[in-house]
Amino acid sequence: QVQLVESGGGLVQAGGSLRLSCAASGRTFSSYAMGWFRQPPGKEREFVARISRSGGNTYYTDSVKGRFTISRDNAKNTVYLQMNSLMPEDTAVYYCAADTKPGGNPLYAHGYDYWGQGTQVTVSS
């Protein structure tokens, strides 16, 4: 079992920055990959970024490349999403997710088996 709790969301103006955090508990944090997803208003949940167990490999959806950075601190059982140059289209509920069972597609929600409750990010124009 893994429990995930996100924090750090809020309201920011376009061009601003936010850092999301996701604190994990339960299973050994360094034993599984982590991802961030988001769900814009009225839309499907979509992949944002993924980081490997050690943090040595990362992957991003094209729309956030160069603006967002995923990282993790295995000593603190925490994964982060640093979001810079935010745009109104980044407005969404952001979720962190744990992939404890390799084999699923890491770009889709079904590839992850534990989820946080979500944190709202609103970017005003």
N, C-alpha and C. Protein backbone atom coordinates (compact mmCIF):
# COMPACT_ATOMS: atom_id res chain seq x y z
N GLN A 1 0.83 -1.20 0.00
CA GLN A 1 0.00 0.00 0.00
C GLN A 1 0.87 1.25 0.00
N VAL A 2 0.41 2.25 -0.73
CA VAL A 2 1.10 3.54 -0.81
C VAL A 2 0.06 4.64 -0.59
N GLN A 3 0.42 5.59 0.24
CA GLN A 3 -0.43 6.77 0.44
C GLN A 3 0.32 7.99 -0.10
N LEU A 4 -0.41 8.82 -0.85
CA LEU A 4 0.19 9.98 -1.49
C LEU A 4 -0.61 11.24 -1.13
N VAL A 5 0.11 12.30 -0.77
CA VAL A 5 -0.55 13.56 -0.42
C VAL A 5 0.16 14.71 -1.14
N GLU A 6 -0.60 15.37 -2.03
CA GLU A 6 -0.04 16.51 -2.77
C GLU A 6 -0.22 17.81 -2.00
N SER A 7 0.64 18.76 -2.30
CA SER A 7 0.51 20.11 -1.76
C SER A 7 1.21 21.09 -2.70
N GLY A 8 0.93 22.37 -2.51
CA GLY A 8 1.64 23.38 -3.27
C GLY A 8 0.85 24.05 -4.38
N GLY A 9 -0.38 23.60 -4.61
CA GLY A 9 -1.18 24.24 -5.63
C GLY A 9 -1.63 25.63 -5.21
N GLY A 10 -2.24 26.35 -6.15
CA GLY A 10 -2.73 27.69 -5.82
C GLY A 10 -3.03 28.48 -7.06
N LEU A 11 -3.21 29.77 -6.86
CA LEU A 11 -3.51 30.71 -7.94
C LEU A 11 -2.26 31.51 -8.26
N VAL A 12 -1.92 31.58 -9.54
CA VAL A 12 -0.73 32.30 -9.96
C VAL A 12 -1.02 32.99 -11.28
N GLN A 13 -0.34 34.09 -11.52
CA GLN A 13 -0.50 34.80 -12.79
C GLN A 13 0.32 34.10 -13.88
N ALA A 14 -0.09 34.29 -15.09
CA ALA A 14 0.64 33.74 -16.23
C ALA A 14 2.09 34.23 -16.18
N GLY A 15 3.01 33.30 -16.45
CA GLY A 15 4.43 33.61 -16.37
C GLY A 15 5.05 33.30 -15.03
N GLY A 16 4.21 33.01 -14.05
CA GLY A 16 4.69 32.72 -12.71
C GLY A 16 5.11 31.27 -12.52
N SER A 17 5.44 30.94 -11.28
CA SER A 17 5.94 29.62 -10.97
C SER A 17 5.23 29.05 -9.74
N LEU A 18 5.17 27.74 -9.69
CA LEU A 18 4.69 27.01 -8.52
C LEU A 18 5.52 25.74 -8.40
N ARG A 19 5.65 25.24 -7.18
CA ARG A 19 6.26 23.93 -6.97
C ARG A 19 5.28 23.06 -6.22
N LEU A 20 4.94 21.95 -6.86
CA LEU A 20 4.08 20.97 -6.23
C LEU A 20 4.93 19.92 -5.53
N SER A 21 4.43 19.45 -4.41
CA SER A 21 5.09 18.37 -3.67
C SER A 21 4.11 17.22 -3.51
N CYS A 22 4.65 16.03 -3.41
CA CYS A 22 3.83 14.84 -3.17
C CYS A 22 4.58 13.97 -2.18
N ALA A 23 4.04 13.87 -0.98
CA ALA A 23 4.66 13.07 0.07
C ALA A 23 4.08 11.66 0.06
N ALA A 24 4.96 10.68 0.06
CA ALA A 24 4.54 9.28 -0.01
C ALA A 24 4.81 8.58 1.32
N SER A 25 3.98 7.60 1.62
CA SER A 25 4.20 6.75 2.78
C SER A 25 3.74 5.34 2.45
N GLY A 26 4.20 4.40 3.26
CA GLY A 26 3.85 3.00 3.02
C GLY A 26 5.05 2.26 2.47
N ARG A 27 4.92 1.78 1.28
CA ARG A 27 5.97 1.00 0.63
C ARG A 27 7.23 1.84 0.44
N THR A 28 8.40 1.17 0.41
CA THR A 28 9.68 1.85 0.24
C THR A 28 9.65 2.75 -0.99
N PHE A 29 9.84 4.06 -0.78
CA PHE A 29 9.65 5.04 -1.84
C PHE A 29 10.57 4.81 -3.03
N SER A 30 11.79 4.43 -2.78
CA SER A 30 12.76 4.26 -3.86
C SER A 30 12.52 3.01 -4.70
N SER A 31 11.50 2.24 -4.39
CA SER A 31 11.23 1.00 -5.11
C SER A 31 10.24 1.17 -6.26
N TYR A 32 9.72 2.38 -6.47
CA TYR A 32 8.76 2.55 -7.55
C TYR A 32 8.92 3.92 -8.23
N ALA A 33 8.53 3.94 -9.51
CA ALA A 33 8.53 5.18 -10.27
C ALA A 33 7.33 6.03 -9.88
N MET A 34 7.44 7.32 -10.19
CA MET A 34 6.37 8.27 -9.86
C MET A 34 6.01 9.10 -11.08
N GLY A 35 4.77 9.53 -11.12
CA GLY A 35 4.33 10.38 -12.21
C GLY A 35 3.46 11.51 -11.71
N TRP A 36 3.33 12.52 -12.56
CA TRP A 36 2.38 13.61 -12.34
C TRP A 36 1.41 13.62 -13.53
N PHE A 37 0.15 13.76 -13.22
CA PHE A 37 -0.91 13.91 -14.20
C PHE A 37 -1.69 15.18 -13.86
N ARG A 38 -2.51 15.61 -14.83
CA ARG A 38 -3.38 16.75 -14.55
C ARG A 38 -4.71 16.55 -15.27
N GLN A 39 -5.74 17.18 -14.73
CA GLN A 39 -7.05 17.11 -15.34
C GLN A 39 -7.62 18.51 -15.46
N PRO A 40 -7.57 19.07 -16.67
CA PRO A 40 -8.14 20.40 -16.88
C PRO A 40 -9.66 20.35 -16.75
N PRO A 41 -10.30 21.48 -16.53
CA PRO A 41 -11.76 21.50 -16.40
C PRO A 41 -12.45 20.92 -17.62
N GLY A 42 -13.31 19.95 -17.42
CA GLY A 42 -14.08 19.37 -18.51
C GLY A 42 -13.30 18.45 -19.43
N LYS A 43 -12.08 18.10 -19.05
CA LYS A 43 -11.26 17.25 -19.92
C LYS A 43 -10.81 15.99 -19.20
N GLU A 44 -10.20 15.09 -19.98
CA GLU A 44 -9.68 13.86 -19.43
C GLU A 44 -8.37 14.11 -18.67
N ARG A 45 -8.08 13.20 -17.75
CA ARG A 45 -6.79 13.26 -17.06
C ARG A 45 -5.68 12.97 -18.06
N GLU A 46 -4.59 13.75 -17.99
CA GLU A 46 -3.51 13.61 -18.95
C GLU A 46 -2.15 13.54 -18.27
N PHE A 47 -1.26 12.83 -18.93
CA PHE A 47 0.09 12.65 -18.42
C PHE A 47 0.86 13.97 -18.49
N VAL A 48 1.68 14.24 -17.46
CA VAL A 48 2.54 15.43 -17.44
C VAL A 48 4.01 15.03 -17.41
N ALA A 49 4.39 14.21 -16.44
CA ALA A 49 5.81 13.88 -16.28
C ALA A 49 5.95 12.59 -15.49
N ARG A 50 7.12 11.98 -15.65
CA ARG A 50 7.42 10.73 -14.94
C ARG A 50 8.88 10.74 -14.53
N ILE A 51 9.17 10.09 -13.40
CA ILE A 51 10.55 9.98 -12.94
C ILE A 51 10.79 8.54 -12.48
N SER A 52 11.97 8.04 -12.78
CA SER A 52 12.32 6.66 -12.43
C SER A 52 12.57 6.52 -10.93
N ARG A 53 12.77 5.31 -10.50
CA ARG A 53 12.93 5.03 -9.07
C ARG A 53 14.11 5.79 -8.48
N SER A 54 15.21 5.84 -9.21
CA SER A 54 16.41 6.51 -8.70
C SER A 54 16.40 8.01 -8.96
N GLY A 55 15.51 8.44 -9.88
CA GLY A 55 15.51 9.84 -10.29
C GLY A 55 16.40 10.12 -11.48
N GLY A 56 17.06 9.09 -11.98
CA GLY A 56 18.01 9.30 -13.06
C GLY A 56 17.39 9.46 -14.44
N ASN A 57 16.14 9.05 -14.56
CA ASN A 57 15.45 9.17 -15.85
C ASN A 57 14.13 9.91 -15.67
N THR A 58 13.89 10.86 -16.55
CA THR A 58 12.65 11.63 -16.52
C THR A 58 12.05 11.70 -17.92
N TYR A 59 10.76 11.94 -17.95
CA TYR A 59 10.06 12.03 -19.23
C TYR A 59 8.93 13.03 -19.08
N TYR A 60 8.70 13.83 -20.14
CA TYR A 60 7.69 14.89 -20.08
C TYR A 60 6.80 14.86 -21.30
N THR A 61 5.59 15.29 -21.11
CA THR A 61 4.75 15.53 -22.27
C THR A 61 5.27 16.78 -22.97
N ASP A 62 5.06 16.87 -24.29
CA ASP A 62 5.67 17.94 -25.08
C ASP A 62 5.28 19.33 -24.60
N SER A 63 4.05 19.50 -24.15
CA SER A 63 3.57 20.84 -23.81
C SER A 63 4.24 21.45 -22.59
N VAL A 64 4.94 20.64 -21.79
CA VAL A 64 5.59 21.18 -20.58
C VAL A 64 7.10 21.11 -20.65
N LYS A 65 7.64 20.54 -21.70
CA LYS A 65 9.10 20.42 -21.82
C LYS A 65 9.74 21.80 -21.79
N GLY A 66 10.81 21.93 -21.00
CA GLY A 66 11.50 23.20 -20.89
C GLY A 66 10.89 24.14 -19.86
N ARG A 67 9.68 23.81 -19.37
CA ARG A 67 9.01 24.67 -18.37
C ARG A 67 8.85 23.95 -17.04
N PHE A 68 8.57 22.67 -17.07
CA PHE A 68 8.35 21.88 -15.84
C PHE A 68 9.55 20.96 -15.60
N THR A 69 9.82 20.71 -14.32
CA THR A 69 10.87 19.77 -13.94
C THR A 69 10.37 18.87 -12.83
N ILE A 70 10.45 17.56 -13.07
CA ILE A 70 10.10 16.59 -12.05
C ILE A 70 11.38 16.15 -11.36
N SER A 71 11.30 15.98 -10.06
CA SER A 71 12.45 15.52 -9.29
C SER A 71 11.93 14.74 -8.08
N ARG A 72 12.84 14.04 -7.43
CA ARG A 72 12.44 13.30 -6.24
C ARG A 72 13.58 13.30 -5.23
N ASP A 73 13.20 13.20 -3.96
CA ASP A 73 14.15 13.08 -2.87
C ASP A 73 13.76 11.81 -2.12
N ASN A 74 14.48 10.75 -2.38
CA ASN A 74 14.13 9.46 -1.79
C ASN A 74 14.34 9.44 -0.28
N ALA A 75 15.21 10.30 0.21
CA ALA A 75 15.41 10.39 1.66
C ALA A 75 14.22 11.02 2.35
N LYS A 76 13.48 11.86 1.61
CA LYS A 76 12.31 12.54 2.17
C LYS A 76 10.99 11.93 1.68
N ASN A 77 11.08 10.87 0.89
CA ASN A 77 9.88 10.22 0.36
C ASN A 77 8.96 11.22 -0.36
N THR A 78 9.56 12.08 -1.15
CA THR A 78 8.81 13.15 -1.78
C THR A 78 9.20 13.31 -3.25
N VAL A 79 8.20 13.55 -4.09
CA VAL A 79 8.42 13.89 -5.48
C VAL A 79 7.91 15.30 -5.69
N TYR A 80 8.58 16.03 -6.57
CA TYR A 80 8.26 17.43 -6.81
C TYR A 80 7.94 17.67 -8.29
N LEU A 81 7.21 18.73 -8.52
CA LEU A 81 7.01 19.22 -9.88
C LEU A 81 7.19 20.73 -9.84
N GLN A 82 8.33 21.18 -10.35
CA GLN A 82 8.59 22.60 -10.45
C GLN A 82 8.00 23.10 -11.76
N MET A 83 7.12 24.07 -11.67
CA MET A 83 6.42 24.57 -12.85
C MET A 83 6.76 26.04 -13.03
N ASN A 84 7.43 26.34 -14.13
CA ASN A 84 7.81 27.71 -14.47
C ASN A 84 7.09 28.17 -15.73
N SER A 85 7.09 29.46 -15.97
CA SER A 85 6.46 30.04 -17.16
C SER A 85 5.05 29.50 -17.34
N LEU A 86 4.30 29.51 -16.28
CA LEU A 86 2.96 28.94 -16.32
C LEU A 86 2.05 29.72 -17.26
N MET A 87 1.16 28.98 -17.90
CA MET A 87 0.21 29.55 -18.86
C MET A 87 -1.20 29.19 -18.42
N PRO A 88 -2.19 29.95 -18.85
CA PRO A 88 -3.58 29.64 -18.47
C PRO A 88 -3.98 28.21 -18.82
N GLU A 89 -3.44 27.67 -19.88
CA GLU A 89 -3.80 26.30 -20.26
C GLU A 89 -3.20 25.24 -19.34
N ASP A 90 -2.35 25.66 -18.41
CA ASP A 90 -1.85 24.73 -17.39
C ASP A 90 -2.84 24.58 -16.23
N THR A 91 -3.90 25.37 -16.24
CA THR A 91 -4.91 25.28 -15.18
C THR A 91 -5.52 23.89 -15.16
N ALA A 92 -5.47 23.26 -13.99
CA ALA A 92 -5.96 21.88 -13.85
C ALA A 92 -5.84 21.44 -12.40
N VAL A 93 -6.43 20.32 -12.11
CA VAL A 93 -6.13 19.61 -10.86
C VAL A 93 -4.95 18.70 -11.16
N TYR A 94 -3.92 18.80 -10.36
CA TYR A 94 -2.71 18.02 -10.56
C TYR A 94 -2.67 16.87 -9.55
N TYR A 95 -2.33 15.69 -10.07
CA TYR A 95 -2.27 14.48 -9.26
C TYR A 95 -0.90 13.84 -9.35
N CYS A 96 -0.39 13.36 -8.24
CA CYS A 96 0.78 12.50 -8.30
C CYS A 96 0.31 11.05 -8.25
N ALA A 97 1.12 10.17 -8.81
CA ALA A 97 0.73 8.77 -8.91
C ALA A 97 1.96 7.89 -8.78
N ALA A 98 1.76 6.71 -8.22
CA ALA A 98 2.84 5.75 -8.02
C ALA A 98 2.65 4.54 -8.93
N ASP A 99 3.73 4.14 -9.56
CA ASP A 99 3.74 2.96 -10.42
C ASP A 99 4.52 1.86 -9.71
N THR A 100 3.80 1.05 -8.96
CA THR A 100 4.47 0.00 -8.18
C THR A 100 4.45 -1.35 -8.87
N LYS A 101 3.76 -1.42 -10.00
CA LYS A 101 3.65 -2.69 -10.72
C LYS A 101 4.05 -2.48 -12.16
N PRO A 102 5.34 -2.59 -12.49
CA PRO A 102 5.81 -2.37 -13.87
C PRO A 102 5.08 -3.26 -14.87
N GLY A 103 4.93 -2.73 -16.06
CA GLY A 103 4.24 -3.47 -17.11
C GLY A 103 3.14 -2.67 -17.76
N GLY A 104 2.60 -1.69 -17.04
CA GLY A 104 1.58 -0.84 -17.61
C GLY A 104 2.20 0.26 -18.45
N ASN A 105 1.38 0.95 -19.23
CA ASN A 105 1.87 2.05 -20.05
C ASN A 105 2.06 3.28 -19.17
N PRO A 106 3.28 3.78 -19.02
CA PRO A 106 3.54 4.87 -18.08
C PRO A 106 3.00 6.23 -18.52
N LEU A 107 2.50 6.30 -19.75
CA LEU A 107 1.96 7.56 -20.26
C LEU A 107 0.45 7.68 -20.02
N TYR A 108 -0.14 6.66 -19.45
CA TYR A 108 -1.57 6.67 -19.23
C TYR A 108 -1.87 6.37 -17.76
N ALA A 109 -3.01 6.84 -17.33
CA ALA A 109 -3.39 6.69 -15.92
C ALA A 109 -3.43 5.24 -15.49
N HIS A 110 -3.82 4.35 -16.38
CA HIS A 110 -3.92 2.93 -15.98
C HIS A 110 -2.57 2.30 -15.69
N GLY A 111 -1.49 3.01 -16.01
CA GLY A 111 -0.16 2.50 -15.71
C GLY A 111 0.29 2.75 -14.28
N TYR A 112 -0.57 3.38 -13.49
CA TYR A 112 -0.25 3.74 -12.11
C TYR A 112 -1.32 3.15 -11.20
N ASP A 113 -0.94 2.74 -10.02
CA ASP A 113 -1.89 2.04 -9.16
C ASP A 113 -2.23 2.76 -7.86
N TYR A 114 -1.53 3.85 -7.56
CA TYR A 114 -1.89 4.65 -6.39
C TYR A 114 -1.90 6.12 -6.78
N TRP A 115 -2.85 6.86 -6.20
CA TRP A 115 -3.05 8.25 -6.57
C TRP A 115 -3.24 9.12 -5.34
N GLY A 116 -2.78 10.35 -5.47
CA GLY A 116 -3.08 11.34 -4.44
C GLY A 116 -4.46 11.93 -4.66
N GLN A 117 -4.85 12.85 -3.78
CA GLN A 117 -6.18 13.44 -3.84
C GLN A 117 -6.27 14.59 -4.83
N GLY A 118 -5.14 15.09 -5.27
CA GLY A 118 -5.11 16.18 -6.23
C GLY A 118 -4.96 17.54 -5.57
N THR A 119 -4.35 18.46 -6.31
CA THR A 119 -4.20 19.84 -5.85
C THR A 119 -4.49 20.77 -7.02
N GLN A 120 -5.27 21.81 -6.77
CA GLN A 120 -5.71 22.71 -7.83
C GLN A 120 -4.62 23.72 -8.17
N VAL A 121 -4.36 23.86 -9.46
CA VAL A 121 -3.48 24.91 -9.97
C VAL A 121 -4.31 25.77 -10.92
N THR A 122 -4.36 27.06 -10.64
CA THR A 122 -5.10 27.99 -11.48
C THR A 122 -4.15 29.09 -11.93
N VAL A 123 -4.07 29.26 -13.26
CA VAL A 123 -3.19 30.27 -13.84
C VAL A 123 -4.07 31.33 -14.50
N SER A 124 -3.96 32.54 -14.01
CA SER A 124 -4.78 33.63 -14.55
C SER A 124 -4.01 34.36 -15.65
N SER A 125 -4.77 34.87 -16.62
CA SER A 125 -4.12 35.56 -17.75
C SER A 125 -3.98 37.05 -17.47
